[in-house]
Amino acid sequence: FFQSAMKEPSKGIGKGGRPPHRPS
């Protein structure tokens, strides 16, 4: 699981962690 998660990061998040903040 961790090897596959490291190879394929989720889309839109970037480097990992929280999604980027977009001010309105």
PDB file of all heavy atoms in Angstrom:
ATOM      1  N   PHE A   1       0.825  -1.204   0.000  1.00  0.00           N
ATOM      2  CA  PHE A   1       0.000   0.000   0.000  1.00  0.00           C
ATOM      3  C   PHE A   1       0.860   1.255   0.000  1.00  0.00           C
ATOM      4  O   PHE A   1       0.649   2.163  -0.796  1.00  0.00           O
ATOM      5  CB  PHE A   1      -0.928   0.007   1.212  1.00  0.00           C
ATOM      6  CG  PHE A   1      -1.643   1.315   1.388  1.00  0.00           C
ATOM      7  CD1 PHE A   1      -2.701   1.649   0.554  1.00  0.00           C
ATOM      8  CD2 PHE A   1      -1.239   2.222   2.347  1.00  0.00           C
ATOM      9  CE1 PHE A   1      -3.350   2.858   0.695  1.00  0.00           C
ATOM     10  CE2 PHE A   1      -1.882   3.427   2.491  1.00  0.00           C
ATOM     11  CZ  PHE A   1      -2.936   3.744   1.667  1.00  0.00           C
ATOM     12  N   PHE A   2       1.847   1.311   0.878  1.00  0.00           N
ATOM     13  CA  PHE A   2       2.655   2.516   0.971  1.00  0.00           C
ATOM     14  C   PHE A   2       3.543   2.701  -0.253  1.00  0.00           C
ATOM     15  O   PHE A   2       3.780   3.812  -0.678  1.00  0.00           O
ATOM     16  CB  PHE A   2       3.483   2.528   2.257  1.00  0.00           C
ATOM     17  CG  PHE A   2       2.642   2.767   3.473  1.00  0.00           C
ATOM     18  CD1 PHE A   2       2.563   1.828   4.474  1.00  0.00           C
ATOM     19  CD2 PHE A   2       1.906   3.933   3.604  1.00  0.00           C
ATOM     20  CE1 PHE A   2       1.783   2.046   5.580  1.00  0.00           C
ATOM     21  CE2 PHE A   2       1.123   4.168   4.708  1.00  0.00           C
ATOM     22  CZ  PHE A   2       1.065   3.218   5.709  1.00  0.00           C
ATOM     23  N   GLN A   3       4.030   1.621  -0.847  1.00  0.00           N
ATOM     24  CA  GLN A   3       4.818   1.751  -2.068  1.00  0.00           C
ATOM     25  C   GLN A   3       3.956   2.269  -3.209  1.00  0.00           C
ATOM     26  O   GLN A   3       4.370   3.139  -3.966  1.00  0.00           O
ATOM     27  CB  GLN A   3       5.438   0.413  -2.442  1.00  0.00           C
ATOM     28  CG  GLN A   3       6.630   0.065  -1.577  1.00  0.00           C
ATOM     29  CD  GLN A   3       7.213  -1.281  -1.954  1.00  0.00           C
ATOM     30  OE1 GLN A   3       6.653  -2.012  -2.764  1.00  0.00           O
ATOM     31  NE2 GLN A   3       8.345  -1.614  -1.357  1.00  0.00           N
ATOM     32  N   SER A   4       2.716   1.781  -3.317  1.00  0.00           N
ATOM     33  CA  SER A   4       1.856   2.268  -4.398  1.00  0.00           C
ATOM     34  C   SER A   4       1.437   3.711  -4.139  1.00  0.00           C
ATOM     35  O   SER A   4       1.296   4.497  -5.065  1.00  0.00           O
ATOM     36  CB  SER A   4       0.628   1.381  -4.557  1.00  0.00           C
ATOM     37  OG  SER A   4      -0.180   1.476  -3.402  1.00  0.00           O
ATOM     38  N   ALA A   5       1.239   4.090  -2.888  1.00  0.00           N
ATOM     39  CA  ALA A   5       0.865   5.468  -2.579  1.00  0.00           C
ATOM     40  C   ALA A   5       2.013   6.414  -2.869  1.00  0.00           C
ATOM     41  O   ALA A   5       1.805   7.548  -3.298  1.00  0.00           O
ATOM     42  CB  ALA A   5       0.445   5.585  -1.117  1.00  0.00           C
ATOM     43  N   MET A   6       3.236   5.960  -2.655  1.00  0.00           N
ATOM     44  CA  MET A   6       4.393   6.821  -2.924  1.00  0.00           C
ATOM     45  C   MET A   6       4.628   6.964  -4.419  1.00  0.00           C
ATOM     46  O   MET A   6       5.047   8.014  -4.884  1.00  0.00           O
ATOM     47  CB  MET A   6       5.639   6.258  -2.236  1.00  0.00           C
ATOM     48  CG  MET A   6       5.576   6.430  -0.733  1.00  0.00           C
ATOM     49  SD  MET A   6       6.865   5.609   0.200  1.00  0.00           S
ATOM     50  CE  MET A   6       8.309   5.876  -0.716  1.00  0.00           C
ATOM     51  N   LYS A   7       4.319   5.943  -5.197  1.00  0.00           N
ATOM     52  CA  LYS A   7       4.515   6.015  -6.640  1.00  0.00           C
ATOM     53  C   LYS A   7       3.440   6.868  -7.308  1.00  0.00           C
ATOM     54  O   LYS A   7       3.707   7.562  -8.260  1.00  0.00           O
ATOM     55  CB  LYS A   7       4.492   4.609  -7.241  1.00  0.00           C
ATOM     56  CG  LYS A   7       5.716   3.798  -6.920  1.00  0.00           C
ATOM     57  CD  LYS A   7       5.604   2.422  -7.510  1.00  0.00           C
ATOM     58  CE  LYS A   7       6.753   1.556  -7.066  1.00  0.00           C
ATOM     59  NZ  LYS A   7       6.588   0.169  -7.495  1.00  0.00           N
ATOM     60  N   GLU A   8       2.208   6.806  -6.802  1.00  0.00           N
ATOM     61  CA  GLU A   8       1.088   7.505  -7.422  1.00  0.00           C
ATOM     62  C   GLU A   8       0.450   8.459  -6.412  1.00  0.00           C
ATOM     63  O   GLU A   8      -0.526   8.116  -5.757  1.00  0.00           O
ATOM     64  CB  GLU A   8       0.034   6.492  -7.876  1.00  0.00           C
ATOM     65  CG  GLU A   8       0.558   5.471  -8.847  1.00  0.00           C
ATOM     66  CD  GLU A   8      -0.447   4.354  -9.057  1.00  0.00           C
ATOM     67  OE1 GLU A   8      -1.601   4.494  -8.600  1.00  0.00           O
ATOM     68  OE2 GLU A   8      -0.082   3.359  -9.658  1.00  0.00           O
ATOM     69  N   PRO A   9       0.996   9.681  -6.284  1.00  0.00           N
ATOM     70  CA  PRO A   9       0.356  10.619  -5.352  1.00  0.00           C
ATOM     71  C   PRO A   9      -1.005  11.041  -5.881  1.00  0.00           C
ATOM     72  O   PRO A   9      -1.241  11.031  -7.084  1.00  0.00           O
ATOM     73  CB  PRO A   9       1.319  11.800  -5.301  1.00  0.00           C
ATOM     74  CG  PRO A   9       2.079  11.724  -6.573  1.00  0.00           C
ATOM     75  CD  PRO A   9       2.156  10.255  -6.936  1.00  0.00           C
ATOM     76  N   SER A  10      -1.891  11.384  -4.973  1.00  0.00           N
ATOM     77  CA  SER A  10      -3.233  11.777  -5.408  1.00  0.00           C
ATOM     78  C   SER A  10      -3.176  13.082  -6.184  1.00  0.00           C
ATOM     79  O   SER A  10      -2.318  13.924  -5.960  1.00  0.00           O
ATOM     80  CB  SER A  10      -4.142  11.917  -4.192  1.00  0.00           C
ATOM     81  OG  SER A  10      -3.604  12.859  -3.309  1.00  0.00           O
ATOM     82  N   LYS A  11      -4.106  13.264  -7.080  1.00  0.00           N
ATOM     83  CA  LYS A  11      -4.091  14.419  -7.978  1.00  0.00           C
ATOM     84  C   LYS A  11      -4.563  15.671  -7.251  1.00  0.00           C
ATOM     85  O   LYS A  11      -5.445  15.617  -6.420  1.00  0.00           O
ATOM     86  CB  LYS A  11      -4.988  14.138  -9.176  1.00  0.00           C
ATOM     87  CG  LYS A  11      -4.495  12.978 -10.006  1.00  0.00           C
ATOM     88  CD  LYS A  11      -5.434  12.693 -11.143  1.00  0.00           C
ATOM     89  CE  LYS A  11      -4.950  11.477 -11.917  1.00  0.00           C
ATOM     90  NZ  LYS A  11      -5.859  11.124 -12.979  1.00  0.00           N
ATOM     91  N   GLY A  12      -3.969  16.807  -7.598  1.00  0.00           N
ATOM     92  CA  GLY A  12      -4.394  18.085  -7.065  1.00  0.00           C
ATOM     93  C   GLY A  12      -3.746  18.481  -5.763  1.00  0.00           C
ATOM     94  O   GLY A  12      -3.861  19.606  -5.338  1.00  0.00           O
ATOM     95  N   ILE A  13      -3.066  17.582  -5.106  1.00  0.00           N
ATOM     96  CA  ILE A  13      -2.480  17.909  -3.815  1.00  0.00           C
ATOM     97  C   ILE A  13      -1.044  18.391  -3.972  1.00  0.00           C
ATOM     98  O   ILE A  13      -0.608  19.258  -3.255  1.00  0.00           O
ATOM     99  CB  ILE A  13      -2.567  16.710  -2.852  1.00  0.00           C
ATOM    100  CG1 ILE A  13      -4.023  16.460  -2.513  1.00  0.00           C
ATOM    101  CG2 ILE A  13      -1.792  16.984  -1.585  1.00  0.00           C
ATOM    102  CD1 ILE A  13      -4.255  15.338  -1.572  1.00  0.00           C
ATOM    103  N   GLY A  14      -0.314  17.912  -4.906  1.00  0.00           N
ATOM    104  CA  GLY A  14       1.061  18.361  -5.087  1.00  0.00           C
ATOM    105  C   GLY A  14       2.030  17.461  -4.357  1.00  0.00           C
ATOM    106  O   GLY A  14       2.072  16.267  -4.587  1.00  0.00           O
ATOM    107  N   LYS A  15       2.780  18.044  -3.434  1.00  0.00           N
ATOM    108  CA  LYS A  15       3.825  17.303  -2.729  1.00  0.00           C
ATOM    109  C   LYS A  15       3.279  16.419  -1.618  1.00  0.00           C
ATOM    110  O   LYS A  15       3.995  15.645  -1.040  1.00  0.00           O
ATOM    111  CB  LYS A  15       4.825  18.286  -2.127  1.00  0.00           C
ATOM    112  CG  LYS A  15       5.583  19.077  -3.153  1.00  0.00           C
ATOM    113  CD  LYS A  15       6.519  20.021  -2.474  1.00  0.00           C
ATOM    114  CE  LYS A  15       7.225  20.885  -3.484  1.00  0.00           C
ATOM    115  NZ  LYS A  15       8.077  21.879  -2.849  1.00  0.00           N
ATOM    116  N   GLY A  16       2.052  16.562  -1.291  1.00  0.00           N
ATOM    117  CA  GLY A  16       1.471  15.801  -0.199  1.00  0.00           C
ATOM    118  C   GLY A  16       1.000  16.749   0.882  1.00  0.00           C
ATOM    119  O   GLY A  16       1.237  17.948   0.835  1.00  0.00           O
ATOM    120  N   GLY A  17       0.313  16.232   1.846  1.00  0.00           N
ATOM    121  CA  GLY A  17      -0.198  17.080   2.901  1.00  0.00           C
ATOM    122  C   GLY A  17      -1.532  17.689   2.534  1.00  0.00           C
ATOM    123  O   GLY A  17      -2.326  17.102   1.809  1.00  0.00           O
ATOM    124  N   ARG A  18      -1.751  18.884   3.020  1.00  0.00           N
ATOM    125  CA  ARG A  18      -3.021  19.559   2.765  1.00  0.00           C
ATOM    126  C   ARG A  18      -3.102  20.048   1.328  1.00  0.00           C
ATOM    127  O   ARG A  18      -2.101  20.351   0.716  1.00  0.00           O
ATOM    128  CB  ARG A  18      -3.163  20.770   3.674  1.00  0.00           C
ATOM    129  CG  ARG A  18      -3.299  20.438   5.114  1.00  0.00           C
ATOM    130  CD  ARG A  18      -3.499  21.704   5.884  1.00  0.00           C
ATOM    131  NE  ARG A  18      -3.641  21.420   7.295  1.00  0.00           N
ATOM    132  CZ  ARG A  18      -3.823  22.331   8.202  1.00  0.00           C
ATOM    133  NH1 ARG A  18      -3.855  23.598   7.858  1.00  0.00           N
ATOM    134  NH2 ARG A  18      -3.940  22.010   9.456  1.00  0.00           N
ATOM    135  N   PRO A  19      -4.326  20.199   0.820  1.00  0.00           N
ATOM    136  CA  PRO A  19      -4.459  20.799  -0.507  1.00  0.00           C
ATOM    137  C   PRO A  19      -4.083  22.282  -0.432  1.00  0.00           C
ATOM    138  O   PRO A  19      -4.191  22.900   0.618  1.00  0.00           O
ATOM    139  CB  PRO A  19      -5.927  20.627  -0.846  1.00  0.00           C
ATOM    140  CG  PRO A  19      -6.610  20.301   0.415  1.00  0.00           C
ATOM    141  CD  PRO A  19      -5.585  19.741   1.350  1.00  0.00           C
ATOM    142  N   PRO A  20      -3.642  22.873  -1.541  1.00  0.00           N
ATOM    143  CA  PRO A  20      -3.226  24.282  -1.499  1.00  0.00           C
ATOM    144  C   PRO A  20      -4.410  25.202  -1.187  1.00  0.00           C
ATOM    145  O   PRO A  20      -5.543  24.925  -1.576  1.00  0.00           O
ATOM    146  CB  PRO A  20      -2.689  24.545  -2.902  1.00  0.00           C
ATOM    147  CG  PRO A  20      -3.259  23.471  -3.756  1.00  0.00           C
ATOM    148  CD  PRO A  20      -3.493  22.288  -2.864  1.00  0.00           C
ATOM    149  N   HIS A  21      -4.122  26.276  -0.477  1.00  0.00           N
ATOM    150  CA  HIS A  21      -5.168  27.242  -0.108  1.00  0.00           C
ATOM    151  C   HIS A  21      -5.423  28.182  -1.275  1.00  0.00           C
ATOM    152  O   HIS A  21      -4.494  28.739  -1.853  1.00  0.00           O
ATOM    153  CB  HIS A  21      -4.740  28.036   1.125  1.00  0.00           C
ATOM    154  CG  HIS A  21      -5.730  29.068   1.530  1.00  0.00           C
ATOM    155  ND1 HIS A  21      -6.941  28.743   2.085  1.00  0.00           N
ATOM    156  CD2 HIS A  21      -5.708  30.421   1.431  1.00  0.00           C
ATOM    157  CE1 HIS A  21      -7.615  29.851   2.331  1.00  0.00           C
ATOM    158  NE2 HIS A  21      -6.893  30.880   1.945  1.00  0.00           N
ATOM    159  N   ARG A  22      -6.680  28.357  -1.614  1.00  0.00           N
ATOM    160  CA  ARG A  22      -7.065  29.263  -2.684  1.00  0.00           C
ATOM    161  C   ARG A  22      -7.979  30.337  -2.087  1.00  0.00           C
ATOM    162  O   ARG A  22      -9.142  30.077  -1.800  1.00  0.00           O
ATOM    163  CB  ARG A  22      -7.794  28.511  -3.783  1.00  0.00           C
ATOM    164  CG  ARG A  22      -6.958  27.383  -4.361  1.00  0.00           C
ATOM    165  CD  ARG A  22      -7.293  27.132  -5.798  1.00  0.00           C
ATOM    166  NE  ARG A  22      -6.751  25.888  -6.315  1.00  0.00           N
ATOM    167  CZ  ARG A  22      -5.473  25.642  -6.516  1.00  0.00           C
ATOM    168  NH1 ARG A  22      -4.586  26.522  -6.193  1.00  0.00           N
ATOM    169  NH2 ARG A  22      -5.071  24.485  -7.011  1.00  0.00           N
ATOM    170  N   PRO A  23      -7.451  31.570  -1.910  1.00  0.00           N
ATOM    171  CA  PRO A  23      -8.258  32.618  -1.300  1.00  0.00           C
ATOM    172  C   PRO A  23      -9.399  33.071  -2.205  1.00  0.00           C
ATOM    173  O   PRO A  23      -9.229  33.215  -3.404  1.00  0.00           O
ATOM    174  CB  PRO A  23      -7.282  33.775  -1.090  1.00  0.00           C
ATOM    175  CG  PRO A  23      -5.950  33.317  -1.547  1.00  0.00           C
ATOM    176  CD  PRO A  23      -6.089  31.984  -2.187  1.00  0.00           C
ATOM    177  N   SER A  24     -10.549  33.288  -1.613  1.00  0.00           N
ATOM    178  CA  SER A  24     -11.694  33.813  -2.361  1.00  0.00           C
ATOM    179  C   SER A  24     -11.818  35.311  -2.076  1.00  0.00           C
ATOM    180  O   SER A  24     -11.172  35.842  -1.180  1.00  0.00           O
ATOM    181  CB  SER A  24     -12.972  33.090  -1.942  1.00  0.00           C
ATOM    182  OG  SER A  24     -13.302  33.423  -0.611  1.00  0.00           O
TER     183      SER A  24
END
